[in-house]
Amino acid sequence: MMVTGSRIRQIGWAVVLGTCFAMLLALTFKVNAVKSDVRLTERAIIAAQQERLMLETEFQTRASQHQLSDWNAVEFGYGAPRADQYLESETQLAALGSPRGIGAPSPVRVALNRPEREGAEDEGLLSGWIAASQPTLPSAGHPAQRELAATGLAERLSNPVGPIAKVAEVSQ
């Protein structure tokens, strides 16, 4: 009997120990689940605070934009561009999208016109560009001297010489 009582006691302790281990495991899972919920709630709180801060900043920005708009209108007389500043009527607006007529001129496009040099017929594809980029000494009546002699911006702009004179109108 002594052996069976001892054996029953050992089995009882093993059952109690197994039950305690199972309860500890269940409690650990429960604590981790609560911690996870707390972390998710903290993240939601932080996200809400960041969103509130962003909305406050946007509200302040829009309020200052409205205030600047009011100041521009009252103090400086500034206003947003209107269509009548560029076009006189709805007819002009409609004409912008219409196709060109048969006798209408082509749209003007500006491109650089490099004149061909004499004797440089088949030197190579880039030889004309290389030779044109090399500096040359101007002669006595060369237009570059007139450009250097121009004293003011208005005079230089009224007499296009040099690279400006080489600009040509090119159509499609």
N, C-alpha and C. Protein backbone atom coordinates (compact mmCIF):
# COMPACT_ATOMS: atom_id res chain seq x y z
N MET A 1 0.81 -1.18 0.00
CA MET A 1 0.00 0.00 0.00
C MET A 1 0.85 1.25 0.00
N MET A 2 1.95 1.06 0.58
CA MET A 2 2.85 2.18 0.69
C MET A 2 3.33 2.61 -0.69
N VAL A 3 3.54 1.65 -1.52
CA VAL A 3 4.02 1.93 -2.86
C VAL A 3 2.91 2.59 -3.67
N THR A 4 1.70 2.13 -3.55
CA THR A 4 0.60 2.71 -4.32
C THR A 4 0.27 4.12 -3.83
N GLY A 5 0.34 4.39 -2.52
CA GLY A 5 0.08 5.74 -2.00
C GLY A 5 1.14 6.71 -2.46
N SER A 6 2.37 6.27 -2.49
CA SER A 6 3.45 7.13 -2.95
C SER A 6 3.31 7.39 -4.45
N ARG A 7 2.89 6.37 -5.12
CA ARG A 7 2.71 6.51 -6.57
C ARG A 7 1.57 7.45 -6.87
N ILE A 8 0.49 7.39 -6.12
CA ILE A 8 -0.66 8.28 -6.31
C ILE A 8 -0.26 9.71 -5.98
N ARG A 9 0.53 9.87 -4.92
CA ARG A 9 1.00 11.20 -4.56
C ARG A 9 1.88 11.78 -5.68
N GLN A 10 2.73 11.01 -6.29
CA GLN A 10 3.59 11.48 -7.38
C GLN A 10 2.75 11.89 -8.59
N ILE A 11 1.74 11.08 -8.87
CA ILE A 11 0.86 11.40 -9.99
C ILE A 11 0.08 12.68 -9.68
N GLY A 12 -0.37 12.83 -8.42
CA GLY A 12 -1.10 14.04 -8.01
C GLY A 12 -0.24 15.29 -8.16
N TRP A 13 1.03 15.18 -7.70
CA TRP A 13 1.93 16.33 -7.85
C TRP A 13 2.19 16.64 -9.33
N ALA A 14 2.31 15.64 -10.14
CA ALA A 14 2.54 15.85 -11.58
C ALA A 14 1.33 16.55 -12.20
N VAL A 15 0.11 16.13 -11.78
CA VAL A 15 -1.12 16.76 -12.31
C VAL A 15 -1.19 18.21 -11.85
N VAL A 16 -0.90 18.48 -10.55
CA VAL A 16 -0.92 19.85 -10.03
C VAL A 16 0.13 20.70 -10.75
N LEU A 17 1.32 20.15 -10.91
CA LEU A 17 2.38 20.88 -11.60
C LEU A 17 2.00 21.14 -13.06
N GLY A 18 1.43 20.19 -13.75
CA GLY A 18 0.97 20.37 -15.15
C GLY A 18 -0.13 21.41 -15.24
N THR A 19 -1.07 21.39 -14.26
CA THR A 19 -2.15 22.38 -14.24
C THR A 19 -1.58 23.78 -14.02
N CYS A 20 -0.64 23.89 -13.09
CA CYS A 20 0.01 25.20 -12.84
C CYS A 20 0.74 25.70 -14.08
N PHE A 21 1.44 24.80 -14.77
CA PHE A 21 2.15 25.18 -15.98
C PHE A 21 1.17 25.63 -17.07
N ALA A 22 0.04 24.91 -17.22
CA ALA A 22 -0.97 25.28 -18.21
C ALA A 22 -1.57 26.64 -17.88
N MET A 23 -1.84 26.90 -16.57
CA MET A 23 -2.40 28.19 -16.16
C MET A 23 -1.38 29.32 -16.38
N LEU A 24 -0.09 29.03 -16.12
CA LEU A 24 0.96 30.02 -16.35
C LEU A 24 1.05 30.35 -17.84
N LEU A 25 0.96 29.33 -18.68
CA LEU A 25 1.00 29.53 -20.12
C LEU A 25 -0.20 30.35 -20.59
N ALA A 26 -1.41 30.03 -20.08
CA ALA A 26 -2.61 30.78 -20.44
C ALA A 26 -2.50 32.23 -19.96
N LEU A 27 -1.97 32.44 -18.75
CA LEU A 27 -1.81 33.79 -18.22
C LEU A 27 -0.79 34.59 -19.04
N THR A 28 0.27 33.93 -19.48
CA THR A 28 1.27 34.60 -20.32
C THR A 28 0.65 35.05 -21.64
N PHE A 29 -0.13 34.17 -22.26
CA PHE A 29 -0.81 34.55 -23.50
C PHE A 29 -1.78 35.71 -23.28
N LYS A 30 -2.49 35.69 -22.17
CA LYS A 30 -3.44 36.76 -21.87
C LYS A 30 -2.70 38.09 -21.66
N VAL A 31 -1.58 38.07 -20.94
CA VAL A 31 -0.79 39.29 -20.70
C VAL A 31 -0.25 39.83 -22.02
N ASN A 32 0.26 38.95 -22.87
CA ASN A 32 0.77 39.40 -24.16
C ASN A 32 -0.34 39.98 -25.04
N ALA A 33 -1.54 39.39 -24.97
CA ALA A 33 -2.67 39.92 -25.73
C ALA A 33 -3.05 41.32 -25.24
N VAL A 34 -3.05 41.52 -23.92
CA VAL A 34 -3.37 42.83 -23.36
C VAL A 34 -2.28 43.84 -23.73
N LYS A 35 -1.00 43.42 -23.67
CA LYS A 35 0.09 44.31 -24.07
C LYS A 35 -0.05 44.72 -25.53
N SER A 36 -0.41 43.77 -26.38
CA SER A 36 -0.60 44.07 -27.79
C SER A 36 -1.73 45.08 -27.98
N ASP A 37 -2.83 44.90 -27.25
CA ASP A 37 -3.94 45.86 -27.32
C ASP A 37 -3.50 47.24 -26.85
N VAL A 38 -2.69 47.28 -25.79
CA VAL A 38 -2.20 48.56 -25.28
C VAL A 38 -1.31 49.24 -26.32
N ARG A 39 -0.43 48.47 -26.96
CA ARG A 39 0.43 49.04 -28.01
C ARG A 39 -0.39 49.58 -29.18
N LEU A 40 -1.39 48.81 -29.61
CA LEU A 40 -2.25 49.27 -30.70
C LEU A 40 -2.98 50.55 -30.33
N THR A 41 -3.46 50.62 -29.08
CA THR A 41 -4.15 51.82 -28.62
C THR A 41 -3.19 53.01 -28.57
N GLU A 42 -1.96 52.77 -28.09
CA GLU A 42 -0.97 53.85 -28.06
C GLU A 42 -0.65 54.34 -29.46
N ARG A 43 -0.52 53.42 -30.41
CA ARG A 43 -0.27 53.82 -31.80
C ARG A 43 -1.44 54.63 -32.36
N ALA A 44 -2.66 54.22 -32.03
CA ALA A 44 -3.83 54.97 -32.49
C ALA A 44 -3.85 56.37 -31.88
N ILE A 45 -3.46 56.48 -30.61
CA ILE A 45 -3.41 57.79 -29.95
C ILE A 45 -2.35 58.68 -30.61
N ILE A 46 -1.18 58.11 -30.89
CA ILE A 46 -0.11 58.88 -31.54
C ILE A 46 -0.55 59.31 -32.94
N ALA A 47 -1.19 58.40 -33.68
CA ALA A 47 -1.67 58.76 -35.02
C ALA A 47 -2.72 59.87 -34.95
N ALA A 48 -3.62 59.80 -33.97
CA ALA A 48 -4.63 60.84 -33.81
C ALA A 48 -3.99 62.18 -33.45
N GLN A 49 -2.96 62.16 -32.60
CA GLN A 49 -2.26 63.39 -32.24
C GLN A 49 -1.55 63.99 -33.45
N GLN A 50 -0.92 63.14 -34.25
CA GLN A 50 -0.24 63.64 -35.45
C GLN A 50 -1.24 64.21 -36.45
N GLU A 51 -2.37 63.53 -36.61
CA GLU A 51 -3.40 64.03 -37.52
C GLU A 51 -3.96 65.36 -37.02
N ARG A 52 -4.17 65.47 -35.70
CA ARG A 52 -4.65 66.73 -35.14
C ARG A 52 -3.65 67.85 -35.38
N LEU A 53 -2.37 67.55 -35.19
CA LEU A 53 -1.33 68.55 -35.43
C LEU A 53 -1.30 68.96 -36.91
N MET A 54 -1.44 67.98 -37.81
CA MET A 54 -1.46 68.28 -39.23
C MET A 54 -2.67 69.15 -39.59
N LEU A 55 -3.83 68.82 -39.04
CA LEU A 55 -5.03 69.61 -39.31
C LEU A 55 -4.92 71.02 -38.74
N GLU A 56 -4.32 71.15 -37.56
CA GLU A 56 -4.11 72.49 -36.99
C GLU A 56 -3.19 73.31 -37.88
N THR A 57 -2.12 72.68 -38.37
CA THR A 57 -1.19 73.38 -39.26
C THR A 57 -1.89 73.79 -40.55
N GLU A 58 -2.68 72.88 -41.12
CA GLU A 58 -3.40 73.20 -42.35
C GLU A 58 -4.40 74.33 -42.11
N PHE A 59 -5.09 74.29 -40.98
CA PHE A 59 -6.06 75.33 -40.66
C PHE A 59 -5.37 76.68 -40.52
N GLN A 60 -4.22 76.70 -39.83
CA GLN A 60 -3.49 77.95 -39.67
C GLN A 60 -2.96 78.45 -41.01
N THR A 61 -2.51 77.52 -41.85
CA THR A 61 -2.01 77.92 -43.17
C THR A 61 -3.12 78.51 -44.01
N ARG A 62 -4.27 77.85 -44.02
CA ARG A 62 -5.39 78.38 -44.80
C ARG A 62 -5.88 79.71 -44.25
N ALA A 63 -5.86 79.85 -42.93
CA ALA A 63 -6.28 81.11 -42.34
C ALA A 63 -5.31 82.22 -42.73
N SER A 64 -4.00 81.92 -42.72
CA SER A 64 -3.04 82.95 -43.10
C SER A 64 -3.12 83.24 -44.60
N GLN A 65 -3.44 82.24 -45.42
CA GLN A 65 -3.62 82.48 -46.85
C GLN A 65 -4.82 83.39 -47.08
N HIS A 66 -5.89 83.15 -46.33
CA HIS A 66 -7.08 83.99 -46.45
C HIS A 66 -6.75 85.41 -46.00
N GLN A 67 -5.99 85.53 -44.92
CA GLN A 67 -5.60 86.84 -44.42
C GLN A 67 -4.70 87.54 -45.44
N LEU A 68 -3.75 86.81 -46.04
CA LEU A 68 -2.89 87.41 -47.06
C LEU A 68 -3.70 87.84 -48.28
N SER A 69 -4.68 87.03 -48.66
CA SER A 69 -5.54 87.39 -49.78
C SER A 69 -6.31 88.68 -49.48
N ASP A 70 -6.82 88.79 -48.26
CA ASP A 70 -7.53 90.01 -47.87
C ASP A 70 -6.58 91.21 -47.88
N TRP A 71 -5.39 91.03 -47.34
CA TRP A 71 -4.41 92.13 -47.34
C TRP A 71 -4.05 92.54 -48.76
N ASN A 72 -3.83 91.55 -49.63
CA ASN A 72 -3.48 91.86 -51.01
C ASN A 72 -4.59 92.64 -51.70
N ALA A 73 -5.83 92.26 -51.44
CA ALA A 73 -6.96 92.93 -52.08
C ALA A 73 -7.15 94.34 -51.53
N VAL A 74 -7.05 94.50 -50.21
CA VAL A 74 -7.34 95.79 -49.59
C VAL A 74 -6.12 96.72 -49.63
N GLU A 75 -4.99 96.25 -49.14
CA GLU A 75 -3.82 97.11 -48.99
C GLU A 75 -3.10 97.38 -50.31
N PHE A 76 -2.89 96.33 -51.09
CA PHE A 76 -2.06 96.47 -52.28
C PHE A 76 -2.86 96.51 -53.58
N GLY A 77 -4.11 96.13 -53.54
CA GLY A 77 -4.93 96.12 -54.75
C GLY A 77 -4.63 94.96 -55.67
N TYR A 78 -3.99 93.92 -55.15
CA TYR A 78 -3.70 92.75 -55.96
C TYR A 78 -4.94 91.89 -56.10
N GLY A 79 -5.01 91.17 -57.18
CA GLY A 79 -6.11 90.23 -57.37
C GLY A 79 -5.66 89.10 -58.27
N ALA A 80 -6.46 88.06 -58.30
CA ALA A 80 -6.14 86.92 -59.15
C ALA A 80 -6.31 87.33 -60.61
N PRO A 81 -5.53 86.75 -61.51
CA PRO A 81 -5.69 87.09 -62.93
C PRO A 81 -7.08 86.73 -63.42
N ARG A 82 -7.60 87.58 -64.28
CA ARG A 82 -8.92 87.35 -64.85
C ARG A 82 -8.76 87.08 -66.34
N ALA A 83 -9.74 86.45 -66.94
CA ALA A 83 -9.67 86.11 -68.36
C ALA A 83 -9.69 87.36 -69.22
N ASP A 84 -10.39 88.41 -68.79
CA ASP A 84 -10.47 89.61 -69.62
C ASP A 84 -9.16 90.39 -69.67
N GLN A 85 -8.18 90.01 -68.87
CA GLN A 85 -6.87 90.64 -68.98
C GLN A 85 -6.12 90.13 -70.21
N TYR A 86 -6.47 88.96 -70.69
CA TYR A 86 -5.76 88.35 -71.80
C TYR A 86 -6.61 88.27 -73.07
N LEU A 87 -7.89 88.04 -72.91
CA LEU A 87 -8.81 87.92 -74.04
C LEU A 87 -9.95 88.92 -73.87
N GLU A 88 -10.41 89.47 -74.98
CA GLU A 88 -11.46 90.47 -74.88
C GLU A 88 -12.86 89.88 -74.86
N SER A 89 -13.04 88.71 -75.46
CA SER A 89 -14.39 88.15 -75.53
C SER A 89 -14.32 86.63 -75.58
N GLU A 90 -15.51 86.04 -75.52
CA GLU A 90 -15.60 84.59 -75.61
C GLU A 90 -15.23 84.11 -77.01
N THR A 91 -15.39 84.98 -78.01
CA THR A 91 -15.05 84.62 -79.38
C THR A 91 -13.55 84.36 -79.51
N GLN A 92 -12.75 85.21 -78.87
CA GLN A 92 -11.30 84.99 -78.91
C GLN A 92 -10.93 83.71 -78.18
N LEU A 93 -11.61 83.43 -77.09
CA LEU A 93 -11.35 82.20 -76.36
C LEU A 93 -11.68 80.98 -77.22
N ALA A 94 -12.81 81.03 -77.93
CA ALA A 94 -13.19 79.91 -78.79
C ALA A 94 -12.23 79.78 -79.97
N ALA A 95 -11.67 80.89 -80.44
CA ALA A 95 -10.76 80.85 -81.58
C ALA A 95 -9.43 80.20 -81.23
N LEU A 96 -9.09 80.14 -79.95
CA LEU A 96 -7.83 79.53 -79.56
C LEU A 96 -7.77 78.05 -79.91
N GLY A 97 -8.89 77.37 -79.81
CA GLY A 97 -8.89 75.93 -80.06
C GLY A 97 -9.26 75.55 -81.47
N SER A 98 -9.62 76.52 -82.31
CA SER A 98 -10.07 76.19 -83.66
C SER A 98 -8.86 75.93 -84.57
N PRO A 99 -9.04 75.08 -85.58
CA PRO A 99 -7.93 74.82 -86.51
C PRO A 99 -7.69 76.04 -87.39
N ARG A 100 -6.47 76.16 -87.91
CA ARG A 100 -6.13 77.29 -88.78
C ARG A 100 -6.85 77.16 -90.11
N GLY A 101 -7.12 78.30 -90.70
CA GLY A 101 -7.76 78.33 -92.01
C GLY A 101 -6.80 77.94 -93.11
N ILE A 102 -7.32 77.88 -94.33
CA ILE A 102 -6.50 77.44 -95.46
C ILE A 102 -5.40 78.44 -95.77
N GLY A 103 -5.71 79.73 -95.75
CA GLY A 103 -4.71 80.74 -96.09
C GLY A 103 -3.99 81.29 -94.88
N ALA A 104 -4.23 80.73 -93.70
CA ALA A 104 -3.63 81.27 -92.48
C ALA A 104 -2.13 80.95 -92.44
N PRO A 105 -1.36 81.87 -91.90
CA PRO A 105 0.09 81.60 -91.82
C PRO A 105 0.38 80.52 -90.78
N SER A 106 1.49 79.87 -90.97
CA SER A 106 1.92 78.84 -90.02
C SER A 106 2.36 79.51 -88.73
N PRO A 107 2.31 78.79 -87.62
CA PRO A 107 2.79 79.39 -86.37
C PRO A 107 4.28 79.69 -86.46
N VAL A 108 4.68 80.77 -85.84
CA VAL A 108 6.07 81.21 -85.90
C VAL A 108 6.87 80.44 -84.86
N ARG A 109 7.98 79.90 -85.30
CA ARG A 109 8.89 79.22 -84.40
C ARG A 109 10.28 79.81 -84.61
N VAL A 110 11.06 79.84 -83.58
CA VAL A 110 12.37 80.45 -83.65
C VAL A 110 13.43 79.37 -83.52
N ALA A 111 14.42 79.43 -84.41
CA ALA A 111 15.51 78.46 -84.35
C ALA A 111 16.80 79.17 -84.76
N LEU A 112 17.91 78.58 -84.43
CA LEU A 112 19.20 79.16 -84.77
C LEU A 112 19.56 78.75 -86.18
N ASN A 113 19.92 79.74 -87.00
CA ASN A 113 20.29 79.48 -88.38
C ASN A 113 21.80 79.65 -88.51
N ARG A 114 22.50 78.56 -88.73
CA ARG A 114 23.94 78.62 -88.92
C ARG A 114 24.23 78.63 -90.43
N PRO A 115 24.80 79.72 -90.93
CA PRO A 115 25.07 79.78 -92.38
C PRO A 115 26.17 78.80 -92.77
N GLU A 116 26.05 78.28 -93.99
CA GLU A 116 27.06 77.34 -94.47
C GLU A 116 28.30 78.12 -94.91
N ARG A 117 29.47 77.55 -94.64
CA ARG A 117 30.71 78.18 -95.06
C ARG A 117 31.07 77.70 -96.47
N GLU A 118 31.83 78.52 -97.15
CA GLU A 118 32.28 78.13 -98.49
C GLU A 118 33.39 77.09 -98.37
N GLY A 119 33.35 76.07 -99.20
CA GLY A 119 34.40 75.07 -99.22
C GLY A 119 34.26 74.03 -98.12
N ALA A 120 33.19 74.02 -97.40
CA ALA A 120 33.01 73.05 -96.32
C ALA A 120 31.85 72.14 -96.66
N GLU A 121 31.90 71.55 -97.82
CA GLU A 121 30.78 70.77 -98.28
C GLU A 121 30.68 69.42 -97.59
N ASP A 122 31.74 68.62 -97.62
CA ASP A 122 31.68 67.29 -97.05
C ASP A 122 32.80 67.05 -96.04
N GLU A 123 33.03 67.95 -95.15
CA GLU A 123 34.09 67.76 -94.17
C GLU A 123 33.66 66.80 -93.07
N GLY A 124 32.42 66.75 -92.78
CA GLY A 124 31.93 65.87 -91.74
C GLY A 124 30.63 66.41 -91.16
N LEU A 125 30.01 65.61 -90.38
CA LEU A 125 28.71 65.97 -89.84
C LEU A 125 28.81 67.12 -88.84
N LEU A 126 29.81 67.11 -87.98
CA LEU A 126 29.93 68.12 -86.93
C LEU A 126 30.96 69.19 -87.24
N SER A 127 31.57 69.16 -88.41
CA SER A 127 32.64 70.12 -88.69
C SER A 127 32.11 71.54 -88.77
N GLY A 128 30.93 71.73 -89.29
CA GLY A 128 30.35 73.07 -89.36
C GLY A 128 30.10 73.64 -87.98
N TRP A 129 29.65 72.81 -87.09
CA TRP A 129 29.38 73.27 -85.72
C TRP A 129 30.68 73.59 -84.99
N ILE A 130 31.70 72.77 -85.19
CA ILE A 130 32.98 73.00 -84.51
C ILE A 130 33.62 74.28 -85.03
N ALA A 131 33.61 74.46 -86.35
CA ALA A 131 34.23 75.65 -86.93
C ALA A 131 33.47 76.91 -86.53
N ALA A 132 32.17 76.83 -86.42
CA ALA A 132 31.37 78.00 -86.05
C ALA A 132 31.59 78.39 -84.60
N SER A 133 31.95 77.42 -83.76
CA SER A 133 32.15 77.73 -82.34
C SER A 133 33.54 78.28 -82.05
N GLN A 134 34.47 78.16 -83.01
CA GLN A 134 35.82 78.68 -82.80
C GLN A 134 35.82 80.19 -82.99
N PRO A 135 36.49 80.93 -82.10
CA PRO A 135 36.47 82.39 -82.22
C PRO A 135 37.29 82.86 -83.42
N THR A 136 36.79 83.91 -84.07
CA THR A 136 37.49 84.52 -85.19
C THR A 136 37.68 85.99 -84.87
N LEU A 137 38.70 86.58 -85.45
CA LEU A 137 38.95 88.00 -85.24
C LEU A 137 38.03 88.81 -86.15
N PRO A 138 37.30 89.80 -85.62
CA PRO A 138 36.39 90.57 -86.46
C PRO A 138 37.16 91.51 -87.38
N SER A 139 36.62 91.72 -88.58
CA SER A 139 37.23 92.66 -89.52
C SER A 139 36.78 94.07 -89.17
N ALA A 140 37.22 95.05 -89.96
CA ALA A 140 36.96 96.46 -89.63
C ALA A 140 35.47 96.77 -89.63
N GLY A 141 34.72 96.24 -90.57
CA GLY A 141 33.30 96.57 -90.63
C GLY A 141 32.42 95.45 -90.13
N HIS A 142 32.95 94.57 -89.33
CA HIS A 142 32.20 93.40 -88.85
C HIS A 142 31.13 93.83 -87.86
N PRO A 143 29.95 93.19 -87.89
CA PRO A 143 28.88 93.57 -86.97
C PRO A 143 29.23 93.36 -85.50
N ALA A 144 30.19 92.47 -85.19
CA ALA A 144 30.55 92.24 -83.79
C ALA A 144 31.16 93.49 -83.17
N GLN A 145 31.88 94.30 -84.00
CA GLN A 145 32.44 95.54 -83.47
C GLN A 145 31.34 96.52 -83.10
N ARG A 146 30.30 96.57 -83.92
CA ARG A 146 29.17 97.45 -83.60
C ARG A 146 28.52 97.01 -82.30
N GLU A 147 28.45 95.68 -82.10
CA GLU A 147 27.84 95.17 -80.86
C GLU A 147 28.68 95.57 -79.65
N LEU A 148 30.01 95.49 -79.78
CA LEU A 148 30.87 95.87 -78.67
C LEU A 148 30.81 97.37 -78.42
N ALA A 149 30.56 98.16 -79.47
CA ALA A 149 30.52 99.60 -79.32
C ALA A 149 29.19 100.09 -78.76
N ALA A 150 28.20 99.23 -78.72
CA ALA A 150 26.89 99.65 -78.21
C ALA A 150 27.03 100.01 -76.74
N THR A 151 26.53 101.17 -76.39
CA THR A 151 26.71 101.64 -75.02
C THR A 151 25.60 101.21 -74.10
N GLY A 152 24.41 101.07 -74.58
CA GLY A 152 23.30 100.75 -73.69
C GLY A 152 22.56 99.51 -74.13
N LEU A 153 21.77 99.01 -73.23
CA LEU A 153 20.98 97.82 -73.52
C LEU A 153 19.96 98.09 -74.61
N ALA A 154 19.36 99.26 -74.59
CA ALA A 154 18.35 99.58 -75.59
C ALA A 154 18.96 99.62 -76.98
N GLU A 155 20.17 100.16 -77.10
CA GLU A 155 20.82 100.22 -78.40
C GLU A 155 21.18 98.82 -78.89
N ARG A 156 21.66 97.96 -77.98
CA ARG A 156 22.00 96.60 -78.37
C ARG A 156 20.76 95.81 -78.77
N LEU A 157 19.66 96.04 -78.09
CA LEU A 157 18.44 95.31 -78.42
C LEU A 157 17.79 95.84 -79.69
N SER A 158 17.96 97.14 -80.00
CA SER A 158 17.34 97.68 -81.21
C SER A 158 18.11 97.30 -82.46
N ASN A 159 19.39 96.98 -82.34
CA ASN A 159 20.22 96.57 -83.47
C ASN A 159 20.67 95.13 -83.26
N PRO A 160 19.87 94.16 -83.68
CA PRO A 160 20.28 92.77 -83.44
C PRO A 160 21.44 92.38 -84.33
N VAL A 161 22.54 92.02 -83.71
CA VAL A 161 23.72 91.56 -84.43
C VAL A 161 24.26 90.34 -83.73
N GLY A 162 25.23 89.71 -84.34
CA GLY A 162 25.85 88.54 -83.72
C GLY A 162 24.90 87.37 -83.71
N PRO A 163 24.81 86.65 -82.58
CA PRO A 163 23.97 85.46 -82.53
C PRO A 163 22.50 85.78 -82.70
N ILE A 164 22.09 86.99 -82.31
CA ILE A 164 20.67 87.33 -82.43
C ILE A 164 20.29 87.47 -83.89
N ALA A 165 21.19 87.99 -84.74
CA ALA A 165 20.89 88.17 -86.15
C ALA A 165 20.77 86.83 -86.86
N LYS A 166 21.32 85.79 -86.30
CA LYS A 166 21.28 84.48 -86.95
C LYS A 166 20.01 83.71 -86.65
N VAL A 167 19.14 84.30 -85.84
CA VAL A 167 17.90 83.63 -85.50
C VAL A 167 16.94 83.77 -86.67
N ALA A 168 16.32 82.70 -87.07
CA ALA A 168 15.41 82.73 -88.21
C ALA A 168 14.06 82.18 -87.80
N GLU A 169 13.06 82.62 -88.51
CA GLU A 169 11.74 82.08 -88.27
C GLU A 169 11.59 80.80 -89.09
N VAL A 170 11.14 79.77 -88.44
CA VAL A 170 11.02 78.48 -89.10
C VAL A 170 9.62 77.96 -88.86
N SER A 171 8.99 77.49 -89.88
CA SER A 171 7.66 76.91 -89.71
C SER A 171 7.77 75.40 -89.69
N GLN A 172 6.67 74.80 -89.33
CA GLN A 172 6.68 73.34 -89.27
C GLN A 172 6.98 72.84 -90.62
